Protein backbone atom coordinates (compact mmCIF):
# COMPACT_ATOMS: atom_id res chain seq x y z
CA MET A 1 -9.08 28.38 -89.97
CA VAL A 2 -8.70 32.06 -91.32
CA ARG A 3 -5.77 34.50 -90.00
CA ILE A 4 -6.30 38.35 -89.49
CA ALA A 5 -2.88 39.69 -88.39
CA GLU A 6 -2.32 37.81 -85.04
CA TYR A 7 -5.54 35.71 -84.74
CA GLU A 8 -6.99 33.04 -86.14
CA ILE A 9 -10.09 32.35 -86.41
CA ASP A 10 -12.28 28.97 -87.15
CA PRO A 11 -15.74 29.30 -87.48
CA GLU A 12 -16.93 25.64 -87.35
CA MET A 13 -15.16 24.79 -84.36
CA ARG A 14 -16.20 28.16 -83.02
CA GLU A 15 -12.51 28.82 -81.74
CA LEU A 16 -10.59 32.23 -81.55
CA ARG A 17 -6.79 32.52 -81.00
CA GLY A 18 -4.53 35.70 -80.62
CA CYS A 19 -1.06 34.91 -80.78
CA GLY A 20 -1.59 31.28 -80.39
CA ALA A 21 -3.39 31.11 -77.03
CA PRO A 22 -7.19 30.97 -77.05
CA GLN A 23 -9.46 33.94 -77.01
CA PRO A 24 -12.70 32.86 -75.85
CA PRO A 25 -15.17 35.80 -76.70
CA GLY A 26 -19.06 35.85 -75.85
CA ALA A 27 -21.09 33.44 -77.69
CA ARG A 28 -22.92 36.17 -79.57
CA ALA A 29 -19.84 37.93 -80.61
CA PHE A 30 -18.47 34.97 -81.75
CA ASP A 31 -21.51 34.51 -83.95
CA VAL A 32 -21.16 38.57 -85.37
CA LEU A 33 -17.36 37.49 -85.86
CA ALA A 34 -17.57 34.20 -87.63
CA THR A 35 -20.87 36.07 -89.97
CA LEU A 36 -18.34 38.81 -91.14
CA VAL A 37 -15.58 36.26 -91.60
CA ARG A 38 -18.05 33.83 -93.41
CA ALA A 39 -18.77 36.91 -95.88
CA GLY A 40 -14.95 36.80 -97.10
CA GLY A 41 -14.31 40.97 -97.30
CA GLU A 42 -17.53 41.57 -98.36
CA ILE A 43 -20.25 44.52 -96.96
CA VAL A 44 -22.56 42.96 -94.43
CA THR A 45 -25.67 44.92 -94.25
CA LYS A 46 -27.37 45.52 -90.29
CA GLU A 47 -30.41 42.77 -91.68
CA ALA A 48 -27.81 40.38 -92.93
CA LEU A 49 -26.20 40.52 -89.49
CA LYS A 50 -29.30 40.49 -87.62
CA ARG A 51 -30.85 37.00 -89.63
CA GLY A 52 -27.07 35.26 -89.07
CA VAL A 53 -27.09 36.18 -85.46
CA TRP A 54 -30.60 36.30 -83.97
CA PRO A 55 -32.60 34.41 -85.96
CA ALA A 56 -36.10 33.64 -84.74
CA THR A 57 -35.01 30.84 -82.99
CA ALA A 58 -31.83 31.18 -80.81
CA LEU A 59 -28.80 29.54 -82.29
CA CYS A 60 -29.66 25.49 -81.59
CA PRO A 61 -26.76 23.47 -83.30
CA SER A 62 -28.07 20.53 -85.40
CA CYS A 63 -27.01 16.98 -84.44
CA ALA A 64 -24.19 15.97 -86.69
CA THR A 65 -25.06 12.45 -87.34
CA SER A 66 -28.85 10.04 -87.25
CA LEU A 67 -29.80 8.92 -84.00
CA ILE A 68 -30.24 5.17 -84.27
CA GLY A 69 -31.85 3.47 -81.52
CA ARG A 70 -33.45 6.15 -79.93
CA GLN A 71 -37.12 6.48 -80.93
CA ALA A 72 -38.43 5.20 -77.70
CA GLU A 73 -36.05 7.70 -75.42
CA ILE A 74 -37.34 10.75 -77.81
CA ASP A 75 -40.82 9.91 -77.35
CA ALA A 76 -40.81 8.93 -73.72
CA ALA A 77 -39.02 12.59 -73.40
CA LEU A 78 -41.27 14.64 -75.74
CA ALA A 79 -44.13 13.20 -73.62
CA THR A 80 -42.01 14.32 -70.51
CA LEU A 81 -41.47 17.87 -71.12
CA ASP A 82 -45.20 18.23 -72.28
CA ALA A 83 -46.23 17.76 -68.68
CA ALA A 84 -43.38 18.79 -67.19
CA GLN A 85 -40.94 21.71 -66.99
CA THR A 86 -37.63 19.99 -65.97
CA LEU A 87 -36.09 17.14 -67.82
CA THR A 88 -32.31 16.06 -67.13
CA ILE A 89 -30.65 13.11 -69.30
CA THR A 90 -27.96 11.39 -67.50
CA GLY A 91 -25.73 8.69 -68.35
CA PRO A 92 -21.77 7.87 -68.70
CA ALA A 93 -19.45 9.79 -71.38
CA GLY A 94 -20.27 8.99 -74.34
CA ILE A 95 -23.70 7.62 -73.87
CA GLY A 96 -25.25 9.97 -76.68
CA LYS A 97 -27.01 12.51 -74.10
CA THR A 98 -26.05 15.83 -76.20
CA ALA A 99 -27.22 14.14 -79.72
CA LEU A 100 -30.52 12.99 -77.91
CA ALA A 101 -31.06 16.49 -76.34
CA LEU A 102 -30.49 18.07 -79.99
CA THR A 103 -32.65 16.13 -81.64
CA ILE A 104 -35.54 17.09 -78.68
CA ALA A 105 -34.96 19.97 -79.41
CA GLN A 106 -35.22 20.16 -83.09
CA ARG A 107 -38.94 18.57 -82.59
CA LEU A 108 -39.83 21.02 -80.21
CA GLY A 109 -39.01 23.63 -82.20
CA THR A 110 -40.60 22.04 -85.28
CA VAL A 111 -43.79 20.62 -83.56
CA ALA A 112 -44.58 22.73 -80.64
CA ALA A 113 -43.16 25.77 -81.79
CA PHE A 114 -40.57 26.84 -78.99
CA ASP A 115 -38.09 29.14 -79.38
CA THR A 116 -34.83 26.92 -78.45
CA CYS A 117 -32.37 28.94 -76.64
CA PHE A 118 -28.94 25.78 -76.30
CA VAL A 119 -26.00 26.59 -74.00
CA GLU A 120 -22.85 24.11 -73.96
CA LEU A 121 -21.21 24.67 -70.76
CA SER A 122 -18.37 22.32 -70.80
CA MET A 123 -16.15 25.77 -71.08
CA LEU A 124 -17.41 27.75 -68.21
CA LYS A 125 -16.59 28.23 -64.86
CA GLY A 126 -19.01 29.14 -62.01
CA GLN A 127 -22.21 31.19 -61.84
CA GLN A 128 -21.08 34.26 -63.16
CA GLU A 129 -19.78 32.64 -66.53
CA LEU A 130 -22.93 30.54 -66.38
CA LEU A 131 -25.58 33.49 -66.17
CA ALA A 132 -23.47 35.58 -68.66
CA ALA A 133 -23.67 32.64 -71.26
CA ILE A 134 -26.96 32.35 -71.07
CA ALA A 135 -27.89 35.90 -71.03
CA ASP A 136 -26.01 36.12 -73.98
CA ARG A 137 -27.39 33.56 -75.85
CA CYS A 138 -31.43 33.89 -75.28
CA GLY A 139 -31.16 37.18 -76.13
CA ALA A 140 -31.46 38.69 -72.53
CA GLY A 141 -29.74 41.95 -73.53
CA THR A 142 -26.76 44.06 -72.23
CA ASP A 143 -26.14 44.67 -68.93
CA ASP A 144 -28.75 47.59 -68.04
CA GLY A 145 -28.02 47.82 -64.22
CA THR A 146 -30.60 44.55 -63.77
CA ALA A 147 -29.36 41.32 -62.07
CA PRO A 148 -28.79 38.92 -65.05
CA LEU A 149 -30.88 36.15 -63.73
CA GLU A 150 -33.71 38.76 -64.04
CA ARG A 151 -32.90 39.75 -67.34
CA ILE A 152 -32.97 35.89 -68.30
CA ARG A 153 -36.07 35.23 -66.66
CA ARG A 154 -37.91 38.47 -68.70
CA ALA A 155 -36.52 37.21 -72.14
CA LEU A 156 -37.88 33.39 -71.47
CA ALA A 157 -40.67 34.47 -70.51
CA GLN A 158 -41.52 36.46 -73.31
CA ARG A 159 -42.59 33.48 -75.40
CA ARG A 160 -42.47 29.80 -75.23
CA SER A 161 -38.94 28.89 -74.44
CA LEU A 162 -37.16 25.60 -74.45
CA LEU A 163 -33.45 26.15 -72.60
CA VAL A 164 -31.02 23.33 -73.53
CA LEU A 165 -28.37 23.22 -70.82
CA ASP A 166 -25.52 20.95 -72.10
CA THR A 167 -22.70 19.39 -70.24
CA ALA A 168 -24.03 20.31 -66.78
CA GLU A 169 -21.86 17.81 -64.90
CA HIS A 170 -19.28 20.56 -63.06
CA LEU A 171 -22.14 23.13 -62.63
CA ILE A 172 -24.37 20.67 -61.05
CA ASP A 173 -25.30 22.99 -58.08
CA GLU A 174 -24.95 26.25 -59.99
CA VAL A 175 -27.44 24.76 -62.67
CA GLY A 176 -29.82 23.46 -60.31
CA SER A 177 -29.81 26.57 -58.54
CA LEU A 178 -30.86 28.73 -61.51
CA THR A 179 -33.69 26.14 -62.67
CA ALA A 180 -35.20 26.43 -59.10
CA ARG A 181 -35.27 30.08 -59.99
CA ILE A 182 -36.71 30.78 -63.37
CA VAL A 183 -38.81 27.68 -64.03
CA PRO A 184 -41.42 27.89 -61.12
CA ASP A 185 -42.73 31.45 -62.19
CA ASN A 186 -42.93 30.87 -66.08
CA PRO A 187 -45.25 27.98 -67.17
CA GLY A 188 -44.00 28.30 -70.81
CA LEU A 189 -40.79 27.56 -70.11
CA ARG A 190 -39.17 24.23 -70.42
CA VAL A 191 -35.55 23.20 -69.25
CA LEU A 192 -33.60 20.48 -70.60
CA VAL A 193 -30.49 19.53 -68.85
CA THR A 194 -27.71 16.98 -70.21
CA SER A 195 -25.14 15.82 -67.34
CA ARG A 196 -23.52 12.63 -66.30
CA GLU A 197 -25.51 13.11 -63.20
CA ARG A 198 -28.86 14.56 -61.85
CA LEU A 199 -29.63 18.24 -60.26
CA TYR A 200 -31.24 16.22 -57.31
CA GLY A 201 -34.01 19.69 -58.06
CA THR A 202 -37.39 19.34 -56.60
CA HIS A 203 -39.43 19.05 -59.71
CA GLU A 204 -36.83 17.73 -61.73
CA HIS A 205 -37.86 14.28 -63.85
CA VAL A 206 -34.47 12.30 -65.01
CA MET A 207 -33.86 10.20 -67.90
CA ARG A 208 -31.21 7.75 -67.54
CA LEU A 209 -29.66 7.00 -71.15
CA ALA A 210 -28.76 3.25 -71.30
CA PRO A 211 -26.29 1.53 -73.92
CA LEU A 212 -27.35 1.41 -77.36
CA ALA A 213 -29.03 -2.83 -77.79
CA VAL A 214 -26.40 -5.33 -78.82
CA PRO A 215 -26.31 -8.63 -80.29
CA SER A 216 -25.79 -11.66 -77.52
CA SER A 217 -23.01 -13.93 -78.60
CA ALA A 218 -25.53 -16.65 -80.01
CA ALA A 219 -27.40 -14.20 -82.40
CA SER A 220 -27.59 -15.10 -86.12
CA PHE A 221 -26.73 -12.89 -88.77
CA ALA A 222 -30.68 -11.39 -89.01
CA GLU A 223 -30.67 -10.81 -85.45
CA ALA A 224 -27.26 -9.18 -85.05
CA LEU A 225 -28.38 -6.78 -87.97
CA ASP A 226 -31.48 -5.99 -86.19
CA THR A 227 -29.53 -4.47 -83.12
CA ALA A 228 -28.97 -0.26 -82.85
CA ALA A 229 -25.28 -0.99 -81.86
CA VAL A 230 -24.66 -3.07 -85.35
CA GLN A 231 -26.84 -0.43 -86.92
CA LEU A 232 -24.65 2.38 -85.98
CA PHE A 233 -21.74 0.54 -86.93
CA LEU A 234 -22.18 0.09 -90.10
CA GLU A 235 -23.58 3.30 -90.86
CA ARG A 236 -20.64 5.20 -89.26
CA ALA A 237 -18.26 2.98 -91.03
CA GLN A 238 -19.88 3.69 -94.61
CA SER A 239 -20.13 6.92 -93.77
CA VAL A 240 -16.09 7.21 -93.11
CA ASP A 241 -15.62 5.23 -96.46
CA LYS A 242 -18.26 4.57 -98.72
CA ALA A 243 -16.32 1.90 -100.76
CA ILE A 244 -16.00 -0.37 -97.54
CA ARG A 245 -17.80 -3.83 -97.61
CA ILE A 246 -18.29 -5.86 -94.48
CA GLU A 247 -19.44 -9.25 -95.69
CA ASN A 248 -22.08 -11.41 -94.12
CA ASN A 249 -19.89 -13.84 -92.70
CA LEU A 250 -17.93 -10.73 -90.78
CA ILE A 251 -20.53 -9.41 -88.83
CA HIS A 252 -19.95 -11.62 -85.61
CA HIS A 253 -16.68 -9.55 -85.24
CA VAL A 254 -18.85 -6.39 -85.87
CA ALA A 255 -21.09 -7.78 -83.08
CA GLU A 256 -18.16 -8.33 -80.76
CA ILE A 257 -17.01 -5.47 -80.96
CA CYS A 258 -20.33 -3.71 -79.90
CA ARG A 259 -20.77 -6.19 -77.03
CA ARG A 260 -16.72 -4.92 -76.42
CA LEU A 261 -17.89 -1.42 -76.34
CA ASP A 262 -20.85 -1.93 -74.20
CA GLY A 263 -23.27 -0.49 -76.88
CA ASN A 264 -21.56 2.88 -76.29
CA PRO A 265 -22.42 5.07 -79.04
CA LEU A 266 -19.57 7.25 -79.27
CA GLU A 267 -16.92 4.21 -78.71
CA ILE A 268 -19.11 2.72 -81.71
CA GLU A 269 -18.54 5.48 -83.89
CA LEU A 270 -14.44 6.06 -83.10
CA ALA A 271 -14.29 2.32 -83.66
CA ALA A 272 -16.34 2.42 -86.92
CA ALA A 273 -13.92 5.44 -88.52
CA ARG A 274 -11.40 2.81 -88.04
CA ALA A 275 -13.11 0.03 -89.65
CA PRO A 276 -11.86 1.09 -93.14
CA LEU A 277 -7.82 1.22 -92.44
CA PHE A 278 -7.87 -1.69 -90.17
CA GLY A 279 -10.88 -3.95 -91.30
CA VAL A 280 -13.43 -5.15 -88.51
CA VAL A 281 -11.74 -8.45 -87.82
CA GLU A 282 -8.38 -6.92 -86.94
CA LEU A 283 -9.95 -3.83 -85.09
CA ASN A 284 -11.41 -6.46 -82.64
CA HIS A 285 -8.17 -8.00 -82.04
CA ARG A 286 -6.90 -4.60 -81.28
CA LEU A 287 -9.64 -3.43 -78.90
CA ASP A 288 -7.41 -4.12 -75.80
CA ASP A 289 -5.41 -0.85 -76.90
CA ARG A 290 -8.66 0.68 -77.26
CA MET A 291 -7.46 4.12 -75.42
CA ASP A 292 -4.92 4.55 -78.42
CA LEU A 293 -6.73 2.84 -81.05
CA LEU A 294 -10.23 4.97 -80.61
CA THR A 295 -8.77 8.52 -81.71
CA SER A 296 -10.67 9.62 -84.39
CA GLY A 297 -13.58 11.67 -83.53
CA TYR A 298 -15.61 13.79 -86.08
CA ARG A 299 -13.08 17.32 -86.23
CA THR A 300 -16.83 19.53 -85.41
CA ALA A 301 -17.24 17.65 -82.17
CA LEU A 302 -15.95 19.28 -78.71
CA PRO A 303 -12.79 17.88 -78.27
CA ARG A 304 -13.81 15.63 -75.07
CA HIS A 305 -15.63 13.75 -77.89
CA ARG A 306 -12.85 13.42 -80.18
CA THR A 307 -11.00 10.47 -78.68
CA LEU A 308 -12.26 7.89 -76.26
CA ARG A 309 -9.57 9.02 -73.53
CA ALA A 310 -10.58 12.46 -73.64
CA SER A 311 -14.44 11.71 -73.24
CA LEU A 312 -12.93 9.68 -70.12
CA ASP A 313 -10.14 12.47 -68.78
CA TRP A 314 -13.45 14.58 -68.53
CA SER A 315 -15.06 12.10 -65.99
CA TYR A 316 -12.22 11.28 -64.19
CA HIS A 317 -11.31 14.73 -63.21
CA LEU A 318 -14.32 15.67 -61.97
CA LEU A 319 -14.30 13.04 -59.22
CA SER A 320 -13.05 13.82 -55.65
CA THR A 321 -9.12 12.66 -55.11
CA PRO A 322 -10.31 10.14 -52.69
CA THR A 323 -12.81 8.56 -55.25
CA ARG A 324 -10.44 8.86 -58.07
CA ARG A 325 -8.09 6.44 -55.50
CA LEU A 326 -10.90 4.52 -55.43
CA PHE A 327 -11.81 4.34 -59.35
CA ARG A 328 -8.47 3.50 -60.44
CA ARG A 329 -8.25 0.43 -57.76
CA LEU A 330 -11.78 -0.83 -58.53
CA ALA A 331 -9.91 -2.09 -61.86
CA VAL A 332 -8.71 -4.77 -59.78
CA PHE A 333 -12.04 -6.67 -60.38
CA ASN A 334 -12.72 -8.14 -63.84
CA SER A 335 -16.14 -8.90 -63.39
CA ALA A 336 -19.46 -7.89 -60.75
CA PHE A 337 -17.63 -7.20 -57.30
CA THR A 338 -19.90 -6.32 -53.71
CA LEU A 339 -19.31 -4.15 -50.90
CA ASP A 340 -17.33 -6.74 -48.84
CA ALA A 341 -14.68 -6.92 -52.14
CA VAL A 342 -14.23 -3.62 -51.89
CA ARG A 343 -13.36 -3.71 -48.08
CA ALA A 344 -11.31 -6.43 -48.61
CA VAL A 345 -9.38 -5.64 -51.19
CA VAL A 346 -9.19 -1.83 -51.87
CA CYS A 347 -9.52 -0.31 -48.50
CA ASP A 348 -6.53 0.28 -46.49
CA LYS A 349 -4.74 3.16 -44.56
CA THR A 350 -4.95 5.28 -47.30
CA LEU A 351 -8.43 4.67 -48.25
CA LYS A 352 -10.65 3.96 -45.30
CA ASP A 353 -14.26 1.99 -45.40
CA THR A 354 -16.25 5.35 -44.72
CA CYS A 355 -13.90 7.33 -48.05
CA ALA A 356 -14.76 3.94 -50.03
CA MET A 357 -18.76 3.99 -49.42
CA GLU A 358 -18.88 7.37 -50.37
CA GLY A 359 -17.20 6.69 -53.25
CA ILE A 360 -19.17 4.08 -54.70
CA CYS A 361 -22.09 6.34 -54.08
CA GLU A 362 -19.90 9.27 -56.18
CA LEU A 363 -19.24 6.69 -58.77
CA ALA A 364 -22.97 5.49 -59.17
CA ALA A 365 -24.20 9.14 -59.12
CA LYS A 366 -21.75 10.30 -61.69
CA SER A 367 -22.67 7.13 -64.41
CA MET A 368 -19.14 5.70 -63.77
CA ILE A 369 -20.28 2.20 -62.20
CA THR A 370 -23.43 0.05 -62.90
CA VAL A 371 -25.41 -1.00 -59.71
CA GLU A 372 -26.76 -4.55 -60.27
CA CYS A 373 -29.79 -5.40 -57.91
CA GLU A 374 -31.15 -8.66 -59.75
CA SER A 375 -30.09 -10.82 -56.46
CA PRO A 376 -30.69 -9.67 -52.94
CA LEU A 377 -26.84 -9.51 -52.94
CA VAL A 378 -26.28 -6.07 -54.50
CA THR A 379 -23.17 -5.86 -56.82
CA TYR A 380 -21.13 -3.25 -58.75
CA ARG A 381 -19.66 -3.56 -61.94
CA LEU A 382 -17.42 -1.27 -64.04
CA GLY A 383 -17.76 -1.06 -67.75
CA GLN A 384 -15.16 -2.63 -69.90
CA THR A 385 -13.63 0.85 -71.15
CA LEU A 386 -13.91 2.26 -68.06
CA ARG A 387 -11.82 -0.49 -66.47
CA THR A 388 -9.25 -0.52 -69.11
CA TYR A 389 -9.27 3.20 -68.68
CA ALA A 390 -8.61 2.55 -64.84
CA LEU A 391 -6.51 -0.06 -65.05
CA GLU A 392 -3.91 2.23 -67.06
CA ARG A 393 -4.12 4.69 -64.36
CA LEU A 394 -3.64 2.08 -61.70
CA ARG A 395 -0.70 0.89 -63.43
CA CYS A 396 1.20 4.26 -62.28
CA ASP A 397 0.33 3.65 -58.70
CA ASP A 398 2.66 2.82 -56.15
CA ASP A 399 0.20 0.32 -54.55
CA ALA A 400 -1.00 -1.51 -57.91
CA THR A 401 1.47 -4.74 -56.66
CA ALA A 402 -0.03 -4.81 -53.04
CA LEU A 403 -3.62 -4.39 -54.27
CA ALA A 404 -3.17 -7.58 -56.78
CA GLN A 405 -1.68 -9.23 -53.89
CA ARG A 406 -4.82 -8.65 -51.45
CA ASN A 407 -6.84 -9.19 -54.22
CA ALA A 408 -5.33 -12.81 -54.88
CA ARG A 409 -5.85 -13.66 -51.11
CA TYR A 410 -9.52 -12.40 -51.09
CA LEU A 411 -10.20 -14.78 -53.90
CA ALA A 412 -8.38 -17.57 -52.43
CA SER A 413 -10.14 -16.91 -49.01
CA LEU A 414 -13.40 -17.42 -50.76
CA ALA A 415 -12.18 -20.79 -52.55
CA HIS A 416 -14.64 -22.71 -50.38
CA GLY A 417 -17.65 -20.08 -49.54
CA PRO A 418 -20.57 -18.57 -51.07
CA ALA A 419 -20.29 -18.49 -54.34
CA ASP A 420 -22.13 -15.27 -54.58
CA SER A 421 -19.71 -13.48 -52.44
CA ARG A 422 -16.72 -13.84 -55.11
CA SER A 423 -15.53 -11.18 -57.16
CA GLY A 424 -11.94 -10.65 -59.28
């Protein structure tokens, strides 16, 4: 952190504050400011400024950590972008969409000589800010009277370009419209989007990112070590404290932690950061309090990636009001549930059947529930962490007690009914 008069500048976190309040400049303007600050009072020549702010490949942050267990996804994404122009990587909070996109961008820049323009969207609001940020990052020049979209198209057409739009879920319509307008007449352009839901574009290819492989409860020591989730936990724990040693007879606790965290990379990394403090046995025992426990993300990470609660808050607040109510109430189910169970337990005069069905579709589209079609009866499931988060919010609702009573009556009514209709 550097202080200049009433301003505070943090080049690593890319934050500028004036009198304690955020003062977000444009991305390129911040790059100029950061270059001057890092010079420590020395004179910065025009050439040095150009090298720092306008490199040949537009600024693309490097992935902070190595990517474990994603080689198949990397290969599939590279193959897709070799043949198609638009790829959207979707998945729930913390699943690793940004890390995968950064790795793909670096590969394309190195192997296929793409110039990469990386734009982080989470702080942007509306089409005007979106276009301004992209124009700034891809070197589209200052306003010369030409519409921003045309300047962007012109800049991206001058070279073989990869446009990475990270965290697009709150700007789905705007990003979808932009992509539809800049892609068709520019065959050298590739657009890589990360989002918790797809764009639903005409020529969009979608990769849904799955959790990391976790060991089964019956896995041997060797089998557990061979899974990506356990490998990630061990690597991150040792990066926090190189002196940590997890004995072989404790690996089953690591495996259980990874299972309880549903193979989610962000959650595993946050848990691993706590291992040197608590040890894996105590950490496993404390996972019921995961919302307050998993709070030690990388300081250089975006705010929503520094704590588990912040990551889930971002997803929750993007839901419509009726779907938020539905999401909270679904926490009453501690296993897979059916639409019949939703109608019987969750719906009432404040949440009608039609709203609940629309909410199920919204939650599935935004990667917040899992749809299971392994039998003729379709079921739905909240992951363990999402259910814990929903329960936390449900406890503040006035209807929590009535909901629990309806669930108990529903389960009792199924006591002698078909086994595959049960839930709870």
